[in-house]
Structure formats: C-alpha cells, structure tokens
Amino acid sequence: MSYKDQASSLYRMIGEGKLLEAFEKYYHEDVVMIEADGNTREGKDANREYEKQFLGNVQEVHDGGVHAITSDEENGITMVESWMEVTFKDGNKIKMEEVAVQHWKSDQIIKERFYYNMG
C-alpha cells in the first residue's frame, strides 16, 4: 500500500469517528508530533494522552473532511489538508483547519508536524 493510500485510510478512519483506533494503527511507538507553535510531544504514550484529552473536551463533532492529500512516495512523506467543525464542552464552536506533514517509517508515522492558524 502506498503512503498516500495509508494516509487516506488514516483520515477515513478519523472521519468515521475512530480517531484512537487510527492512532493505534498508524502511529509509531517513537512518534514525534510538533504543533504549529513548536510545542513537541515525543512517544506514542504522550501523544495518545494528548488525543484522549482533546476528545474528552469535545461535546460534538459536526463535520469534517479532507481537502487534499499528496505524497512523496520515494521519501515516505505525506501531506494532508483537513478540517473539522466541533463544539467543545465549554460551548465554543469552531472550524479547525490544518495541514499535517507526516514522515513514515514502514507503515507508521514516525514524525508529524501540524500547520494551522493559532487565531
């Protein structure tokens, strides 16, 4: 399966409400995730907790999707432009848009950097 196909499968699972299942399947134990502000989380355990906290703050996911996916198959890099509209438990409803640049090691993401407007 190509890296582009794997990224598509990852985001398909997220769209089906299976964020944590997708995380377990597609992220490497040594994954490093870097937020737009440069904040870095290292390791699958730390990143799993971050994802759980995010989901714990969401009251409702209204919609979401992928605008574009591209890949550099030779170097194992995918880039995904996506969006999600959510209401948090504090009542704040927002549309989040981001680009994720993912570096793959075999069939899992070893490094992911997010680009989004910090607003």
PDB file of N, CA and C in Angstrom:
ATOM      1  N   MET A   1       0.850  -1.176   0.000  1.00  0.00           N
ATOM      2  CA  MET A   1       0.000   0.000   0.000  1.00  0.00           C
ATOM      3  C   MET A   1       0.898   1.243   0.000  1.00  0.00           C
ATOM      4  N   SER A   2       0.571   2.204  -0.836  1.00  0.00           N
ATOM      5  CA  SER A   2       1.370   3.426  -0.907  1.00  0.00           C
ATOM      6  C   SER A   2       1.180   4.273   0.354  1.00  0.00           C
ATOM      7  N   TYR A   3       2.090   5.198   0.558  1.00  0.00           N
ATOM      8  CA  TYR A   3       1.947   6.112   1.702  1.00  0.00           C
ATOM      9  C   TYR A   3       0.684   6.954   1.545  1.00  0.00           C
ATOM     10  N   LYS A   4       0.394   7.373   0.330  1.00  0.00           N
ATOM     11  CA  LYS A   4      -0.834   8.151   0.087  1.00  0.00           C
ATOM     12  C   LYS A   4      -2.070   7.327   0.451  1.00  0.00           C
ATOM     13  N   ASP A   5      -2.082   6.049   0.091  1.00  0.00           N
ATOM     14  CA  ASP A   5      -3.202   5.173   0.446  1.00  0.00           C
ATOM     15  C   ASP A   5      -3.321   5.019   1.962  1.00  0.00           C
ATOM     16  N   GLN A   6      -2.180   4.901   2.634  1.00  0.00           N
ATOM     17  CA  GLN A   6      -2.206   4.769   4.094  1.00  0.00           C
ATOM     18  C   GLN A   6      -2.741   6.044   4.747  1.00  0.00           C
ATOM     19  N   ALA A   7      -2.292   7.213   4.262  1.00  0.00           N
ATOM     20  CA  ALA A   7      -2.795   8.481   4.806  1.00  0.00           C
ATOM     21  C   ALA A   7      -4.290   8.608   4.552  1.00  0.00           C
ATOM     22  N   SER A   8      -4.739   8.194   3.374  1.00  0.00           N
ATOM     23  CA  SER A   8      -6.178   8.235   3.058  1.00  0.00           C
ATOM     24  C   SER A   8      -6.957   7.337   4.002  1.00  0.00           C
ATOM     25  N   SER A   9      -6.435   6.151   4.276  1.00  0.00           N
ATOM     26  CA  SER A   9      -7.088   5.228   5.197  1.00  0.00           C
ATOM     27  C   SER A   9      -7.141   5.810   6.607  1.00  0.00           C
ATOM     28  N   LEU A  10      -6.050   6.421   7.047  1.00  0.00           N
ATOM     29  CA  LEU A  10      -5.998   7.067   8.359  1.00  0.00           C
ATOM     30  C   LEU A  10      -7.106   8.105   8.494  1.00  0.00           C
ATOM     31  N   TYR A  11      -7.220   8.987   7.522  1.00  0.00           N
ATOM     32  CA  TYR A  11      -8.223  10.053   7.605  1.00  0.00           C
ATOM     33  C   TYR A  11      -9.634   9.536   7.389  1.00  0.00           C
ATOM     34  N   ARG A  12      -9.787   8.442   6.662  1.00  0.00           N
ATOM     35  CA  ARG A  12     -11.101   7.814   6.527  1.00  0.00           C
ATOM     36  C   ARG A  12     -11.560   7.302   7.894  1.00  0.00           C
ATOM     37  N   MET A  13     -10.643   6.668   8.631  1.00  0.00           N
ATOM     38  CA  MET A  13     -10.976   6.182   9.971  1.00  0.00           C
ATOM     39  C   MET A  13     -11.342   7.342  10.893  1.00  0.00           C
ATOM     40  N   ILE A  14     -10.592   8.431  10.824  1.00  0.00           N
ATOM     41  CA  ILE A  14     -10.891   9.608  11.645  1.00  0.00           C
ATOM     42  C   ILE A  14     -12.289  10.121  11.310  1.00  0.00           C
ATOM     43  N   GLY A  15     -12.623  10.180  10.020  1.00  0.00           N
ATOM     44  CA  GLY A  15     -13.944  10.631   9.585  1.00  0.00           C
ATOM     45  C   GLY A  15     -15.068   9.735  10.066  1.00  0.00           C
ATOM     46  N   GLU A  16     -14.739   8.472  10.334  1.00  0.00           N
ATOM     47  CA  GLU A  16     -15.724   7.514  10.855  1.00  0.00           C
ATOM     48  C   GLU A  16     -15.810   7.566  12.376  1.00  0.00           C
ATOM     49  N   GLY A  17     -15.098   8.500  13.002  1.00  0.00           N
ATOM     50  CA  GLY A  17     -15.122   8.613  14.452  1.00  0.00           C
ATOM     51  C   GLY A  17     -14.186   7.644  15.156  1.00  0.00           C
ATOM     52  N   LYS A  18     -13.202   7.114  14.444  1.00  0.00           N
ATOM     53  CA  LYS A  18     -12.281   6.124  15.004  1.00  0.00           C
ATOM     54  C   LYS A  18     -10.885   6.721  15.172  1.00  0.00           C
ATOM     55  N   LEU A  19     -10.808   7.902  15.758  1.00  0.00           N
ATOM     56  CA  LEU A  19      -9.537   8.592  15.903  1.00  0.00           C
ATOM     57  C   LEU A  19      -8.528   7.764  16.691  1.00  0.00           C
ATOM     58  N   LEU A  20      -8.923   7.231  17.825  1.00  0.00           N
ATOM     59  CA  LEU A  20      -7.977   6.475  18.658  1.00  0.00           C
ATOM     60  C   LEU A  20      -7.562   5.166  18.000  1.00  0.00           C
ATOM     61  N   GLU A  21      -8.495   4.507  17.306  1.00  0.00           N
ATOM     62  CA  GLU A  21      -8.150   3.288  16.593  1.00  0.00           C
ATOM     63  C   GLU A  21      -7.156   3.583  15.475  1.00  0.00           C
ATOM     64  N   ALA A  22      -7.378   4.694  14.760  1.00  0.00           N
ATOM     65  CA  ALA A  22      -6.464   5.109  13.693  1.00  0.00           C
ATOM     66  C   ALA A  22      -5.097   5.440  14.271  1.00  0.00           C
ATOM     67  N   PHE A  23      -5.093   6.103  15.415  1.00  0.00           N
ATOM     68  CA  PHE A  23      -3.834   6.445  16.074  1.00  0.00           C
ATOM     69  C   PHE A  23      -3.043   5.177  16.385  1.00  0.00           C
ATOM     70  N   GLU A  24      -3.698   4.188  16.954  1.00  0.00           N
ATOM     71  CA  GLU A  24      -3.017   2.941  17.324  1.00  0.00           C
ATOM     72  C   GLU A  24      -2.462   2.229  16.097  1.00  0.00           C
ATOM     73  N   LYS A  25      -3.194   2.246  15.013  1.00  0.00           N
ATOM     74  CA  LYS A  25      -2.788   1.528  13.806  1.00  0.00           C
ATOM     75  C   LYS A  25      -1.665   2.238  13.051  1.00  0.00           C
ATOM     76  N   TYR A  26      -1.745   3.559  12.943  1.00  0.00           N
ATOM     77  CA  TYR A  26      -0.884   4.280  12.013  1.00  0.00           C
ATOM     78  C   TYR A  26       0.262   5.075  12.642  1.00  0.00           C
ATOM     79  N   TYR A  27       0.383   5.078  13.964  1.00  0.00           N
ATOM     80  CA  TYR A  27       1.455   5.854  14.580  1.00  0.00           C
ATOM     81  C   TYR A  27       2.481   4.953  15.255  1.00  0.00           C
ATOM     82  N   HIS A  28       3.739   5.255  15.013  1.00  0.00           N
ATOM     83  CA  HIS A  28       4.884   4.507  15.524  1.00  0.00           C
ATOM     84  C   HIS A  28       5.056   4.741  17.022  1.00  0.00           C
ATOM     85  N   GLU A  29       5.626   3.781  17.718  1.00  0.00           N
ATOM     86  CA  GLU A  29       5.873   3.916  19.168  1.00  0.00           C
ATOM     87  C   GLU A  29       6.748   5.124  19.496  1.00  0.00           C
ATOM     88  N   ASP A  30       7.645   5.496  18.596  1.00  0.00           N
ATOM     89  CA  ASP A  30       8.567   6.607  18.832  1.00  0.00           C
ATOM     90  C   ASP A  30       8.135   7.897  18.125  1.00  0.00           C
ATOM     91  N   VAL A  31       6.861   8.015  17.816  1.00  0.00           N
ATOM     92  CA  VAL A  31       6.369   9.170  17.061  1.00  0.00           C
ATOM     93  C   VAL A  31       6.666  10.493  17.782  1.00  0.00           C
ATOM     94  N   VAL A  32       7.019  11.489  16.987  1.00  0.00           N
ATOM     95  CA  VAL A  32       7.198  12.855  17.473  1.00  0.00           C
ATOM     96  C   VAL A  32       6.160  13.704  16.757  1.00  0.00           C
ATOM     97  N   MET A  33       5.351  14.440  17.527  1.00  0.00           N
ATOM     98  CA  MET A  33       4.334  15.330  16.950  1.00  0.00           C
ATOM     99  C   MET A  33       4.676  16.759  17.339  1.00  0.00           C
ATOM    100  N   ILE A  34       4.635  17.639  16.342  1.00  0.00           N
ATOM    101  CA  ILE A  34       5.024  19.029  16.546  1.00  0.00           C
ATOM    102  C   ILE A  34       3.848  19.922  16.173  1.00  0.00           C
ATOM    103  N   GLU A  35       3.385  20.716  17.132  1.00  0.00           N
ATOM    104  CA  GLU A  35       2.280  21.644  16.892  1.00  0.00           C
ATOM    105  C   GLU A  35       2.765  22.884  16.147  1.00  0.00           C
ATOM    106  N   ALA A  36       1.827  23.681  15.677  1.00  0.00           N
ATOM    107  CA  ALA A  36       2.149  24.890  14.908  1.00  0.00           C
ATOM    108  C   ALA A  36       3.008  25.870  15.706  1.00  0.00           C
ATOM    109  N   ASP A  37       2.850  25.875  17.017  1.00  0.00           N
ATOM    110  CA  ASP A  37       3.627  26.789  17.859  1.00  0.00           C
ATOM    111  C   ASP A  37       5.003  26.226  18.229  1.00  0.00           C
ATOM    112  N   GLY A  38       5.325  25.032  17.721  1.00  0.00           N
ATOM    113  CA  GLY A  38       6.615  24.414  18.001  1.00  0.00           C
ATOM    114  C   GLY A  38       6.597  23.457  19.181  1.00  0.00           C
ATOM    115  N   ASN A  39       5.505  23.433  19.935  1.00  0.00           N
ATOM    116  CA  ASN A  39       5.382  22.508  21.057  1.00  0.00           C
ATOM    117  C   ASN A  39       5.505  21.075  20.532  1.00  0.00           C
ATOM    118  N   THR A  40       6.365  20.282  21.173  1.00  0.00           N
ATOM    119  CA  THR A  40       6.660  18.929  20.705  1.00  0.00           C
ATOM    120  C   THR A  40       6.272  17.898  21.761  1.00  0.00           C
ATOM    121  N   ARG A  41       5.642  16.826  21.286  1.00  0.00           N
ATOM    122  CA  ARG A  41       5.345  15.675  22.143  1.00  0.00           C
ATOM    123  C   ARG A  41       6.081  14.471  21.561  1.00  0.00           C
ATOM    124  N   GLU A  42       6.764  13.739  22.412  1.00  0.00           N
ATOM    125  CA  GLU A  42       7.551  12.600  21.950  1.00  0.00           C
ATOM    126  C   GLU A  42       7.010  11.301  22.521  1.00  0.00           C
ATOM    127  N   GLY A  43       6.879  10.310  21.663  1.00  0.00           N
ATOM    128  CA  GLY A  43       6.446   8.979  22.075  1.00  0.00           C
ATOM    129  C   GLY A  43       4.957   8.775  21.929  1.00  0.00           C
ATOM    130  N   LYS A  44       4.591   7.542  21.681  1.00  0.00           N
ATOM    131  CA  LYS A  44       3.188   7.205  21.457  1.00  0.00           C
ATOM    132  C   LYS A  44       2.345   7.415  22.707  1.00  0.00           C
ATOM    133  N   ASP A  45       2.888   7.103  23.880  1.00  0.00           N
ATOM    134  CA  ASP A  45       2.121   7.270  25.120  1.00  0.00           C
ATOM    135  C   ASP A  45       1.725   8.724  25.348  1.00  0.00           C
ATOM    136  N   ALA A  46       2.669   9.641  25.209  1.00  0.00           N
ATOM    137  CA  ALA A  46       2.389  11.068  25.419  1.00  0.00           C
ATOM    138  C   ALA A  46       1.389  11.574  24.397  1.00  0.00           C
ATOM    139  N   ASN A  47       1.525  11.139  23.167  1.00  0.00           N
ATOM    140  CA  ASN A  47       0.624  11.597  22.124  1.00  0.00           C
ATOM    141  C   ASN A  47      -0.764  10.969  22.249  1.00  0.00           C
ATOM    142  N   ARG A  48      -0.827   9.736  22.709  1.00  0.00           N
ATOM    143  CA  ARG A  48      -2.120   9.096  22.963  1.00  0.00           C
ATOM    144  C   ARG A  48      -2.887   9.878  24.027  1.00  0.00           C
ATOM    145  N   GLU A  49      -2.209  10.259  25.106  1.00  0.00           N
ATOM    146  CA  GLU A  49      -2.860  11.029  26.172  1.00  0.00           C
ATOM    147  C   GLU A  49      -3.363  12.374  25.651  1.00  0.00           C
ATOM    148  N   TYR A  50      -2.579  13.020  24.813  1.00  0.00           N
ATOM    149  CA  TYR A  50      -2.991  14.293  24.216  1.00  0.00           C
ATOM    150  C   TYR A  50      -4.283  14.110  23.396  1.00  0.00           C
ATOM    151  N   GLU A  51      -4.332  13.062  22.587  1.00  0.00           N
ATOM    152  CA  GLU A  51      -5.519  12.790  21.775  1.00  0.00           C
ATOM    153  C   GLU A  51      -6.730  12.496  22.662  1.00  0.00           C
ATOM    154  N   LYS A  52      -6.528  11.731  23.717  1.00  0.00           N
ATOM    155  CA  LYS A  52      -7.628  11.429  24.648  1.00  0.00           C
ATOM    156  C   LYS A  52      -8.148  12.699  25.317  1.00  0.00           C
ATOM    157  N   GLN A  53      -7.232  13.597  25.715  1.00  0.00           N
ATOM    158  CA  GLN A  53      -7.651  14.859  26.332  1.00  0.00           C
ATOM    159  C   GLN A  53      -8.431  15.708  25.339  1.00  0.00           C
ATOM    160  N   PHE A  54      -7.969  15.759  24.086  1.00  0.00           N
ATOM    161  CA  PHE A  54      -8.693  16.504  23.068  1.00  0.00           C
ATOM    162  C   PHE A  54     -10.112  15.961  22.922  1.00  0.00           C
ATOM    163  N   LEU A  55     -10.228  14.659  22.747  1.00  0.00           N
ATOM    164  CA  LEU A  55     -11.555  14.049  22.590  1.00  0.00           C
ATOM    165  C   LEU A  55     -12.421  14.262  23.823  1.00  0.00           C
ATOM    166  N   GLY A  56     -11.811  14.254  24.995  1.00  0.00           N
ATOM    167  CA  GLY A  56     -12.550  14.472  26.229  1.00  0.00           C
ATOM    168  C   GLY A  56     -13.120  15.872  26.352  1.00  0.00           C
ATOM    169  N   ASN A  57     -12.564  16.819  25.617  1.00  0.00           N
ATOM    170  CA  ASN A  57     -13.055  18.194  25.636  1.00  0.00           C
ATOM    171  C   ASN A  57     -14.087  18.484  24.557  1.00  0.00           C
ATOM    172  N   VAL A  58     -14.314  17.531  23.655  1.00  0.00           N
ATOM    173  CA  VAL A  58     -15.251  17.723  22.549  1.00  0.00           C
ATOM    174  C   VAL A  58     -16.643  17.264  22.963  1.00  0.00           C
ATOM    175  N   GLN A  59     -17.600  18.166  22.789  1.00  0.00           N
ATOM    176  CA  GLN A  59     -19.001  17.815  23.042  1.00  0.00           C
ATOM    177  C   GLN A  59     -19.608  17.165  21.809  1.00  0.00           C
ATOM    178  N   GLU A  60     -19.329  17.750  20.624  1.00  0.00           N
ATOM    179  CA  GLU A  60     -19.916  17.228  19.393  1.00  0.00           C
ATOM    180  C   GLU A  60     -19.029  17.568  18.194  1.00  0.00           C
ATOM    181  N   VAL A  61     -18.866  16.583  17.320  1.00  0.00           N
ATOM    182  CA  VAL A  61     -18.208  16.808  16.034  1.00  0.00           C
ATOM    183  C   VAL A  61     -19.325  16.981  15.009  1.00  0.00           C
ATOM    184  N   HIS A  62     -19.356  18.142  14.363  1.00  0.00           N
ATOM    185  CA  HIS A  62     -20.426  18.433  13.410  1.00  0.00           C
ATOM    186  C   HIS A  62     -20.104  17.936  12.008  1.00  0.00           C
ATOM    187  N   ASP A  63     -18.874  18.126  11.597  1.00  0.00           N
ATOM    188  CA  ASP A  63     -18.491  17.748  10.236  1.00  0.00           C
ATOM    189  C   ASP A  63     -16.974  17.816  10.125  1.00  0.00           C
ATOM    190  N   GLY A  64     -16.459  17.332   9.055  1.00  0.00           N
ATOM    191  CA  GLY A  64     -15.031  17.388   8.817  1.00  0.00           C
ATOM    192  C   GLY A  64     -14.713  16.732   7.495  1.00  0.00           C
ATOM    193  N   GLY A  65     -13.486  16.882   7.082  1.00  0.00           N
ATOM    194  CA  GLY A  65     -13.112  16.259   5.830  1.00  0.00           C
ATOM    195  C   GLY A  65     -11.683  16.587   5.442  1.00  0.00           C
ATOM    196  N   VAL A  66     -11.339  16.108   4.276  1.00  0.00           N
ATOM    197  CA  VAL A  66     -10.007  16.298   3.720  1.00  0.00           C
ATOM    198  C   VAL A  66     -10.143  17.075   2.424  1.00  0.00           C
ATOM    199  N   HIS A  67      -9.398  18.173   2.321  1.00  0.00           N
ATOM    200  CA  HIS A  67      -9.361  18.939   1.077  1.00  0.00           C
ATOM    201  C   HIS A  67      -8.399  18.303   0.086  1.00  0.00           C
ATOM    202  N   ALA A  68      -7.235  17.851   0.575  1.00  0.00           N
ATOM    203  CA  ALA A  68      -6.217  17.309  -0.321  1.00  0.00           C
ATOM    204  C   ALA A  68      -5.253  16.406   0.433  1.00  0.00           C
ATOM    205  N   ILE A  69      -4.766  15.395  -0.274  1.00  0.00           N
ATOM    206  CA  ILE A  69      -3.698  14.527   0.215  1.00  0.00           C
ATOM    207  C   ILE A  69      -2.692  14.382  -0.913  1.00  0.00           C
ATOM    208  N   THR A  70      -1.432  14.523  -0.566  1.00  0.00           N
ATOM    209  CA  THR A  70      -0.381  14.315  -1.546  1.00  0.00           C
ATOM    210  C   THR A  70       0.747  13.537  -0.884  1.00  0.00           C
ATOM    211  N   SER A  71       1.614  12.972  -1.698  1.00  0.00           N
ATOM    212  CA  SER A  71       2.692  12.189  -1.103  1.00  0.00           C
ATOM    213  C   SER A  71       3.967  12.275  -1.937  1.00  0.00           C
ATOM    214  N   ASP A  72       5.068  12.098  -1.239  1.00  0.00           N
ATOM    215  CA  ASP A  72       6.387  11.910  -1.831  1.00  0.00           C
ATOM    216  C   ASP A  72       6.738  10.468  -1.487  1.00  0.00           C
ATOM    217  N   GLU A  73       6.353   9.562  -2.352  1.00  0.00           N
ATOM    218  CA  GLU A  73       6.496   8.132  -2.074  1.00  0.00           C
ATOM    219  C   GLU A  73       7.955   7.734  -1.873  1.00  0.00           C
ATOM    220  N   GLU A  74       8.843   8.338  -2.624  1.00  0.00           N
ATOM    221  CA  GLU A  74      10.263   7.983  -2.549  1.00  0.00           C
ATOM    222  C   GLU A  74      10.856   8.277  -1.174  1.00  0.00           C
ATOM    223  N   ASN A  75      10.400   9.378  -0.551  1.00  0.00           N
ATOM    224  CA  ASN A  75      10.934   9.776   0.752  1.00  0.00           C
ATOM    225  C   ASN A  75       9.999   9.459   1.918  1.00  0.00           C
ATOM    226  N   GLY A  76       8.855   8.826   1.656  1.00  0.00           N
ATOM    227  CA  GLY A  76       7.944   8.424   2.726  1.00  0.00           C
ATOM    228  C   GLY A  76       7.299   9.586   3.449  1.00  0.00           C
ATOM    229  N   ILE A  77       6.845  10.593   2.680  1.00  0.00           N
ATOM    230  CA  ILE A  77       6.223  11.783   3.280  1.00  0.00           C
ATOM    231  C   ILE A  77       4.842  11.982   2.668  1.00  0.00           C
ATOM    232  N   THR A  78       3.859  12.233   3.525  1.00  0.00           N
ATOM    233  CA  THR A  78       2.524  12.617   3.059  1.00  0.00           C
ATOM    234  C   THR A  78       2.169  13.967   3.655  1.00  0.00           C
ATOM    235  N   MET A  79       1.283  14.676   2.948  1.00  0.00           N
ATOM    236  CA  MET A  79       0.776  15.962   3.422  1.00  0.00           C
ATOM    237  C   MET A  79      -0.730  15.962   3.251  1.00  0.00           C
ATOM    238  N   VAL A  80      -1.429  16.323   4.324  1.00  0.00           N
ATOM    239  CA  VAL A  80      -2.876  16.264   4.325  1.00  0.00           C
ATOM    240  C   VAL A  80      -3.435  17.608   4.778  1.00  0.00           C
ATOM    241  N   GLU A  81      -4.314  18.182   3.953  1.00  0.00           N
ATOM    242  CA  GLU A  81      -5.027  19.403   4.320  1.00  0.00           C
ATOM    243  C   GLU A  81      -6.429  18.974   4.747  1.00  0.00           C
ATOM    244  N   SER A  82      -6.771  19.233   6.005  1.00  0.00           N
ATOM    245  CA  SER A  82      -8.059  18.762   6.532  1.00  0.00           C
ATOM    246  C   SER A  82      -8.742  19.832   7.367  1.00  0.00           C
ATOM    247  N   TRP A  83      -9.992  19.558   7.704  1.00  0.00           N
ATOM    248  CA  TRP A  83     -10.775  20.481   8.526  1.00  0.00           C
ATOM    249  C   TRP A  83     -11.755  19.681   9.383  1.00  0.00           C
ATOM    250  N   MET A  84     -12.169  20.320  10.469  1.00  0.00           N
ATOM    251  CA  MET A  84     -13.131  19.713  11.383  1.00  0.00           C
ATOM    252  C   MET A  84     -13.904  20.829  12.071  1.00  0.00           C
ATOM    253  N   GLU A  85     -15.207  20.674  12.159  1.00  0.00           N
ATOM    254  CA  GLU A  85     -16.037  21.629  12.880  1.00  0.00           C
ATOM    255  C   GLU A  85     -16.564  20.938  14.133  1.00  0.00           C
ATOM    256  N   VAL A  86     -16.232  21.505  15.291  1.00  0.00           N
ATOM    257  CA  VAL A  86     -16.588  20.884  16.565  1.00  0.00           C
ATOM    258  C   VAL A  86     -17.148  21.911  17.545  1.00  0.00           C
ATOM    259  N   THR A  87     -17.925  21.406  18.480  1.00  0.00           N
ATOM    260  CA  THR A  87     -18.328  22.184  19.644  1.00  0.00           C
ATOM    261  C   THR A  87     -17.677  21.540  20.851  1.00  0.00           C
ATOM    262  N   PHE A  88     -16.955  22.373  21.609  1.00  0.00           N
ATOM    263  CA  PHE A  88     -16.304  21.886  22.822  1.00  0.00           C
ATOM    264  C   PHE A  88     -17.284  21.926  23.987  1.00  0.00           C
ATOM    265  N   LYS A  89     -16.938  21.236  25.052  1.00  0.00           N
ATOM    266  CA  LYS A  89     -17.810  21.165  26.225  1.00  0.00           C
ATOM    267  C   LYS A  89     -18.051  22.520  26.859  1.00  0.00           C
ATOM    268  N   ASP A  90     -17.167  23.497  26.598  1.00  0.00           N
ATOM    269  CA  ASP A  90     -17.378  24.850  27.117  1.00  0.00           C
ATOM    270  C   ASP A  90     -18.329  25.665  26.236  1.00  0.00           C
ATOM    271  N   GLY A  91     -18.877  25.028  25.174  1.00  0.00           N
ATOM    272  CA  GLY A  91     -19.834  25.700  24.289  1.00  0.00           C
ATOM    273  C   GLY A  91     -19.199  26.388  23.096  1.00  0.00           C
ATOM    274  N   ASN A  92     -17.888  26.460  23.047  1.00  0.00           N
ATOM    275  CA  ASN A  92     -17.184  27.111  21.946  1.00  0.00           C
ATOM    276  C   ASN A  92     -17.248  26.227  20.698  1.00  0.00           C
ATOM    277  N   LYS A  93     -17.844  26.752  19.615  1.00  0.00           N
ATOM    278  CA  LYS A  93     -17.932  26.027  18.352  1.00  0.00           C
ATOM    279  C   LYS A  93     -16.940  26.642  17.373  1.00  0.00           C
ATOM    280  N   ILE A  94     -16.065  25.790  16.810  1.00  0.00           N
ATOM    281  CA  ILE A  94     -15.063  26.311  15.881  1.00  0.00           C
ATOM    282  C   ILE A  94     -14.883  25.372  14.692  1.00  0.00           C
ATOM    283  N   LYS A  95     -14.364  25.948  13.627  1.00  0.00           N
ATOM    284  CA  LYS A  95     -13.922  25.167  12.476  1.00  0.00           C
ATOM    285  C   LYS A  95     -12.407  25.203  12.486  1.00  0.00           C
ATOM    286  N   MET A  96     -11.802  24.027  12.637  1.00  0.00           N
ATOM    287  CA  MET A  96     -10.352  23.923  12.681  1.00  0.00           C
ATOM    288  C   MET A  96      -9.877  23.469  11.298  1.00  0.00           C
ATOM    289  N   GLU A  97      -8.864  24.160  10.781  1.00  0.00           N
ATOM    290  CA  GLU A  97      -8.265  23.784   9.509  1.00  0.00           C
ATOM    291  C   GLU A  97      -6.765  23.637   9.716  1.00  0.00           C
ATOM    292  N   GLU A  98      -6.189  22.578   9.131  1.00  0.00           N
ATOM    293  CA  GLU A  98      -4.762  22.368   9.321  1.00  0.00           C
ATOM    294  C   GLU A  98      -4.162  21.596   8.147  1.00  0.00           C
ATOM    295  N   VAL A  99      -2.853  21.680   8.066  1.00  0.00           N
ATOM    296  CA  VAL A  99      -2.074  20.837   7.173  1.00  0.00           C
ATOM    297  C   VAL A  99      -1.151  20.015   8.062  1.00  0.00           C
ATOM    298  N   ALA A 100      -1.132  18.723   7.845  1.00  0.00           N
ATOM    299  CA  ALA A 100      -0.242  17.822   8.572  1.00  0.00           C
ATOM    300  C   ALA A 100       0.782  17.273   7.588  1.00  0.00           C
ATOM    301  N   VAL A 101       2.050  17.364   7.960  1.00  0.00           N
ATOM    302  CA  VAL A 101       3.130  16.778   7.178  1.00  0.00           C
ATOM    303  C   VAL A 101       3.615  15.562   7.962  1.00  0.00           C
ATOM    304  N   GLN A 102       3.493  14.397   7.334  1.00  0.00           N
ATOM    305  CA  GLN A 102       3.751  13.139   8.022  1.00  0.00           C
ATOM    306  C   GLN A 102       4.936  12.415   7.392  1.00  0.00           C
ATOM    307  N   HIS A 103       5.871  12.002   8.224  1.00  0.00           N
ATOM    308  CA  HIS A 103       7.022  11.212   7.793  1.00  0.00           C
ATOM    309  C   HIS A 103       6.778   9.773   8.247  1.00  0.00           C
ATOM    310  N   TRP A 104       6.836   8.852   7.306  1.00  0.00           N
ATOM    311  CA  TRP A 104       6.511   7.462   7.575  1.00  0.00           C
ATOM    312  C   TRP A 104       7.770   6.608   7.720  1.00  0.00           C
ATOM    313  N   LYS A 105       7.688   5.651   8.632  1.00  0.00           N
ATOM    314  CA  LYS A 105       8.718   4.613   8.788  1.00  0.00           C
ATOM    315  C   LYS A 105       7.963   3.295   8.624  1.00  0.00           C
ATOM    316  N   SER A 106       8.186   2.646   7.502  1.00  0.00           N
ATOM    317  CA  SER A 106       7.418   1.453   7.129  1.00  0.00           C
ATOM    318  C   SER A 106       5.950   1.843   7.019  1.00  0.00           C
ATOM    319  N   ASP A 107       5.087   1.256   7.822  1.00  0.00           N
ATOM    320  CA  ASP A 107       3.651   1.510   7.719  1.00  0.00           C
ATOM    321  C   ASP A 107       3.118   2.432   8.807  1.00  0.00           C
ATOM    322  N   GLN A 108       3.997   3.162   9.494  1.00  0.00           N
ATOM    323  CA  GLN A 108       3.537   4.025  10.569  1.00  0.00           C
ATOM    324  C   GLN A 108       4.214   5.392  10.506  1.00  0.00           C
ATOM    325  N   ILE A 109       3.520   6.369  11.055  1.00  0.00           N
ATOM    326  CA  ILE A 109       4.037   7.731  11.097  1.00  0.00           C
ATOM    327  C   ILE A 109       5.027   7.847  12.248  1.00  0.00           C
ATOM    328  N   ILE A 110       6.227   8.300  11.938  1.00  0.00           N
ATOM    329  CA  ILE A 110       7.282   8.470  12.942  1.00  0.00           C
ATOM    330  C   ILE A 110       7.407   9.929  13.363  1.00  0.00           C
ATOM    331  N   LYS A 111       7.001  10.857  12.469  1.00  0.00           N
ATOM    332  CA  LYS A 111       7.057  12.289  12.776  1.00  0.00           C
ATOM    333  C   LYS A 111       5.908  12.981  12.059  1.00  0.00           C
ATOM    334  N   GLU A 112       5.243  13.894  12.781  1.00  0.00           N
ATOM    335  CA  GLU A 112       4.139  14.641  12.187  1.00  0.00           C
ATOM    336  C   GLU A 112       4.202  16.087  12.680  1.00  0.00           C
ATOM    337  N   ARG A 113       4.136  17.009  11.741  1.00  0.00           N
ATOM    338  CA  ARG A 113       4.131  18.418  12.074  1.00  0.00           C
ATOM    339  C   ARG A 113       2.851  19.038  11.557  1.00  0.00           C
ATOM    340  N   PHE A 114       2.219  19.857  12.402  1.00  0.00           N
ATOM    341  CA  PHE A 114       0.954  20.491  12.057  1.00  0.00           C
ATOM    342  C   PHE A 114       1.160  21.976  11.780  1.00  0.00           C
ATOM    343  N   TYR A 115       0.459  22.466  10.772  1.00  0.00           N
ATOM    344  CA  TYR A 115       0.458  23.880  10.433  1.00  0.00           C
ATOM    345  C   TYR A 115      -0.991  24.349  10.448  1.00  0.00           C
ATOM    346  N   TYR A 116      -1.267  25.356  11.280  1.00  0.00           N
ATOM    347  CA  TYR A 116      -2.623  25.919  11.363  1.00  0.00           C
ATOM    348  C   TYR A 116      -2.535  27.310  11.925  1.00  0.00           C
ATOM    349  N   ASN A 117      -3.607  28.048  11.745  1.00  0.00           N
ATOM    350  CA  ASN A 117      -3.699  29.402  12.268  1.00  0.00           C
ATOM    351  C   ASN A 117      -3.986  29.331  13.749  1.00  0.00           C
ATOM    352  N   MET A 118      -3.124  29.936  14.545  1.00  0.00           N
ATOM    353  CA  MET A 118      -3.288  29.898  16.000  1.00  0.00           C
ATOM    354  C   MET A 118      -4.435  30.791  16.466  1.00  0.00           C
ATOM    355  N   GLY A 119      -4.895  31.702  15.587  1.00  0.00           N
ATOM    356  CA  GLY A 119      -6.040  32.571  15.855  1.00  0.00           C
ATOM    357  C   GLY A 119      -6.079  33.067  17.237  1.00  0.00           C
TER     358      GLY A 119
END
